[in-house]
C-alpha atoms as a PDB file:
ATOM      1  CA  MET A   1      26.732  44.213   5.906  1.00  0.00           C
ATOM      2  CA  GLU A   2      30.115  46.041   5.741  1.00  0.00           C
ATOM      3  CA  LYS A   3      30.371  48.422   2.797  1.00  0.00           C
ATOM      4  CA  LEU A   4      33.146  46.951   0.622  1.00  0.00           C
ATOM      5  CA  PHE A   5      32.631  49.215  -2.338  1.00  0.00           C
ATOM      6  CA  ALA A   6      31.723  52.829  -3.075  1.00  0.00           C
ATOM      7  CA  GLN A   7      27.988  53.372  -3.060  1.00  0.00           C
ATOM      8  CA  THR A   8      27.380  54.687  -6.522  1.00  0.00           C
ATOM      9  CA  PRO A   9      24.075  55.665  -8.117  1.00  0.00           C
ATOM     10  CA  LYS A  10      22.370  53.989 -11.058  1.00  0.00           C
ATOM     11  CA  PRO A  11      24.492  54.473 -14.152  1.00  0.00           C
ATOM     12  CA  PRO A  12      25.515  56.350 -16.065  1.00  0.00           C
ATOM     13  CA  TYR A  13      28.265  58.085 -14.023  1.00  0.00           C
ATOM     14  CA  TYR A  14      31.977  58.442 -14.460  1.00  0.00           C
ATOM     15  CA  ALA A  15      35.103  56.989 -12.980  1.00  0.00           C
ATOM     16  CA  VAL A  16      38.617  58.236 -12.869  1.00  0.00           C
ATOM     17  CA  LEU A  17      41.203  55.394 -12.730  1.00  0.00           C
ATOM     18  CA  PHE A  18      44.509  56.536 -11.178  1.00  0.00           C
ATOM     19  CA  THR A  19      47.171  53.822 -11.481  1.00  0.00           C
ATOM     20  CA  SER A  20      50.526  54.675  -9.914  1.00  0.00           C
ATOM     21  CA  LYS A  21      53.975  53.414  -8.997  1.00  0.00           C
ATOM     22  CA  ILE A  22      55.378  55.027  -5.882  1.00  0.00           C
ATOM     23  CA  MET A  23      59.095  55.547  -5.615  1.00  0.00           C
ATOM     24  CA  ASN A  24      58.994  57.168  -2.157  1.00  0.00           C
ATOM     25  CA  ALA A  25      56.295  55.906   0.261  1.00  0.00           C
ATOM     26  CA  SER A  26      56.483  57.830   3.376  1.00  0.00           C
ATOM     27  CA  GLY A  27      54.422  59.378   6.173  1.00  0.00           C
ATOM     28  CA  ALA A  28      54.455  62.555   4.139  1.00  0.00           C
ATOM     29  CA  TYR A  29      52.811  60.720   1.258  1.00  0.00           C
ATOM     30  CA  ASP A  30      50.202  59.220   3.543  1.00  0.00           C
ATOM     31  CA  SER A  31      49.493  62.589   5.110  1.00  0.00           C
ATOM     32  CA  LEU A  32      49.007  64.279   1.766  1.00  0.00           C
ATOM     33  CA  ALA A  33      46.802  61.404   0.535  1.00  0.00           C
ATOM     34  CA  ASP A  34      44.596  61.782   3.608  1.00  0.00           C
ATOM     35  CA  LYS A  35      44.303  65.559   3.017  1.00  0.00           C
ATOM     36  CA  MET A  36      43.304  65.000  -0.594  1.00  0.00           C
ATOM     37  CA  LEU A  37      40.682  62.385   0.445  1.00  0.00           C
ATOM     38  CA  GLN A  38      39.120  64.870   2.925  1.00  0.00           C
ATOM     39  CA  LEU A  39      39.194  67.622   0.217  1.00  0.00           C
ATOM     40  CA  VAL A  40      37.728  65.445  -2.535  1.00  0.00           C
ATOM     41  CA  SER A  41      34.997  64.236  -0.270  1.00  0.00           C
ATOM     42  CA  GLU A  42      33.764  67.832  -0.073  1.00  0.00           C
ATOM     43  CA  GLN A  43      33.625  68.341  -3.936  1.00  0.00           C
ATOM     44  CA  ASP A  44      30.245  68.646  -5.561  1.00  0.00           C
ATOM     45  CA  GLY A  45      29.690  65.655  -7.832  1.00  0.00           C
ATOM     46  CA  PHE A  46      32.172  63.306  -5.979  1.00  0.00           C
ATOM     47  CA  LEU A  47      30.388  59.901  -5.469  1.00  0.00           C
ATOM     48  CA  GLY A  48      33.071  57.905  -3.628  1.00  0.00           C
ATOM     49  CA  TYR A  49      36.196  55.951  -4.212  1.00  0.00           C
ATOM     50  CA  GLU A  50      37.942  52.566  -4.005  1.00  0.00           C
ATOM     51  CA  ALA A  51      41.646  52.023  -3.626  1.00  0.00           C
ATOM     52  CA  ALA A  52      44.245  49.213  -3.333  1.00  0.00           C
ATOM     53  CA  ARG A  53      48.014  49.248  -3.148  1.00  0.00           C
ATOM     54  CA  ASP A  54      50.621  46.606  -3.573  1.00  0.00           C
ATOM     55  CA  HIS A  55      53.273  46.765  -6.350  1.00  0.00           C
ATOM     56  CA  LEU A  56      50.941  49.228  -8.094  1.00  0.00           C
ATOM     57  CA  GLY A  57      48.499  51.569  -6.555  1.00  0.00           C
ATOM     58  CA  ILE A  58      45.033  51.795  -8.071  1.00  0.00           C
ATOM     59  CA  THR A  59      42.533  54.382  -6.982  1.00  0.00           C
ATOM     60  CA  ILE A  60      39.124  54.713  -8.604  1.00  0.00           C
ATOM     61  CA  SER A  61      37.056  57.819  -7.922  1.00  0.00           C
ATOM     62  CA  TYR A  62      33.485  58.022  -8.975  1.00  0.00           C
ATOM     63  CA  TRP A  63      31.879  61.224 -10.243  1.00  0.00           C
ATOM     64  CA  LYS A  64      28.457  62.497 -11.280  1.00  0.00           C
ATOM     65  CA  ASP A  65      29.648  64.063 -14.543  1.00  0.00           C
ATOM     66  CA  LEU A  66      32.699  65.332 -16.468  1.00  0.00           C
ATOM     67  CA  ASP A  67      32.282  68.813 -15.202  1.00  0.00           C
ATOM     68  CA  ALA A  68      32.785  67.655 -11.622  1.00  0.00           C
ATOM     69  CA  ILE A  69      35.926  65.791 -12.663  1.00  0.00           C
ATOM     70  CA  LYS A  70      37.306  68.842 -14.444  1.00  0.00           C
ATOM     71  CA  LYS A  71      36.669  71.013 -11.348  1.00  0.00           C
ATOM     72  CA  TRP A  72      38.558  68.610  -9.161  1.00  0.00           C
ATOM     73  CA  LYS A  73      41.422  68.476 -11.576  1.00  0.00           C
ATOM     74  CA  ASN A  74      41.589  72.327 -11.482  1.00  0.00           C
ATOM     75  CA  GLN A  75      41.193  72.635  -7.701  1.00  0.00           C
ATOM     76  CA  ILE A  76      44.206  74.602  -6.423  1.00  0.00           C
ATOM     77  CA  ALA A  77      45.163  72.406  -3.489  1.00  0.00           C
ATOM     78  CA  HIS A  78      44.805  69.351  -5.652  1.00  0.00           C
ATOM     79  CA  GLN A  79      47.028  70.859  -8.349  1.00  0.00           C
ATOM     80  CA  LYS A  80      49.669  71.584  -5.681  1.00  0.00           C
ATOM     81  CA  ALA A  81      49.420  67.986  -4.457  1.00  0.00           C
ATOM     82  CA  GLN A  82      49.798  66.774  -8.058  1.00  0.00           C
ATOM     83  CA  GLU A  83      52.988  68.788  -8.470  1.00  0.00           C
ATOM     84  CA  ARG A  84      54.400  67.585  -5.200  1.00  0.00           C
ATOM     85  CA  GLY A  85      53.568  63.963  -6.165  1.00  0.00           C
ATOM     86  CA  LYS A  86      55.550  64.324  -9.442  1.00  0.00           C
ATOM     87  CA  LYS A  87      58.529  65.689  -7.569  1.00  0.00           C
ATOM     88  CA  GLU A  88      58.549  63.605  -4.434  1.00  0.00           C
ATOM     89  CA  PHE A  89      56.537  60.402  -4.616  1.00  0.00           C
ATOM     90  CA  TYR A  90      55.639  58.968  -7.991  1.00  0.00           C
ATOM     91  CA  GLU A  91      57.853  57.037 -10.317  1.00  0.00           C
ATOM     92  CA  ALA A  92      55.032  56.940 -12.826  1.00  0.00           C
ATOM     93  CA  TYR A  93      51.264  57.197 -13.073  1.00  0.00           C
ATOM     94  CA  LYS A  94      48.441  56.952 -15.561  1.00  0.00           C
ATOM     95  CA  VAL A  95      44.999  58.435 -15.462  1.00  0.00           C
ATOM     96  CA  ARG A  96      41.912  57.110 -17.390  1.00  0.00           C
ATOM     97  CA  ILE A  97      38.407  58.631 -17.379  1.00  0.00           C
ATOM     98  CA  VAL A  98      35.584  56.320 -18.224  1.00  0.00           C
ATOM     99  CA  LYS A  99      31.850  56.396 -18.457  1.00  0.00           C
ATOM    100  CA  VAL A 100      30.168  53.653 -16.358  1.00  0.00           C
ATOM    101  CA  LEU A 101      27.197  52.335 -18.357  1.00  0.00           C
ATOM    102  CA  ASN A 102      26.414  49.338 -16.208  1.00  0.00           C
ATOM    103  CA  ASP A 103      27.276  47.989 -12.772  1.00  0.00           C
ATOM    104  CA  TYR A 104      26.236  44.936 -10.704  1.00  0.00           C
ATOM    105  CA  GLU A 105      27.473  43.175  -7.614  1.00  0.00           C
ATOM    106  CA  PHE A 106      27.572  39.851  -5.762  1.00  0.00           C
ATOM    107  CA  PHE A 107      28.015  39.029  -2.076  1.00  0.00           C
ATOM    108  CA  ASN A 108      28.465  35.566  -0.808  1.00  0.00           C
ATOM    109  CA  SER A 109      26.403  35.233   2.282  1.00  0.00           C
ATOM    110  CA  LEU A 110      28.247  32.086   3.503  1.00  0.00           C
END
């Protein structure tokens, strides 16, 4: 079966919800996002992500613990990308950090 969702461990674990409104979608934005995805995938404690974009973009990244999230936030290339995003790409964004206490799923086999 196709993997539709990030493969997360048994809870508890953490999620960072990044909701954004892009003012300047471009190839440069896509390129930077691809670089950040490659970089975050190498971070200790990163479990996976899910993303969707229409009028608003929503990216949810999953993490082993709060320390891993803090290290990613303070990662130098990520900090530079954040500053570039504020200057060039984002009209607005909001970040929420949550502790996942339970998860379950359903797949229709029809």
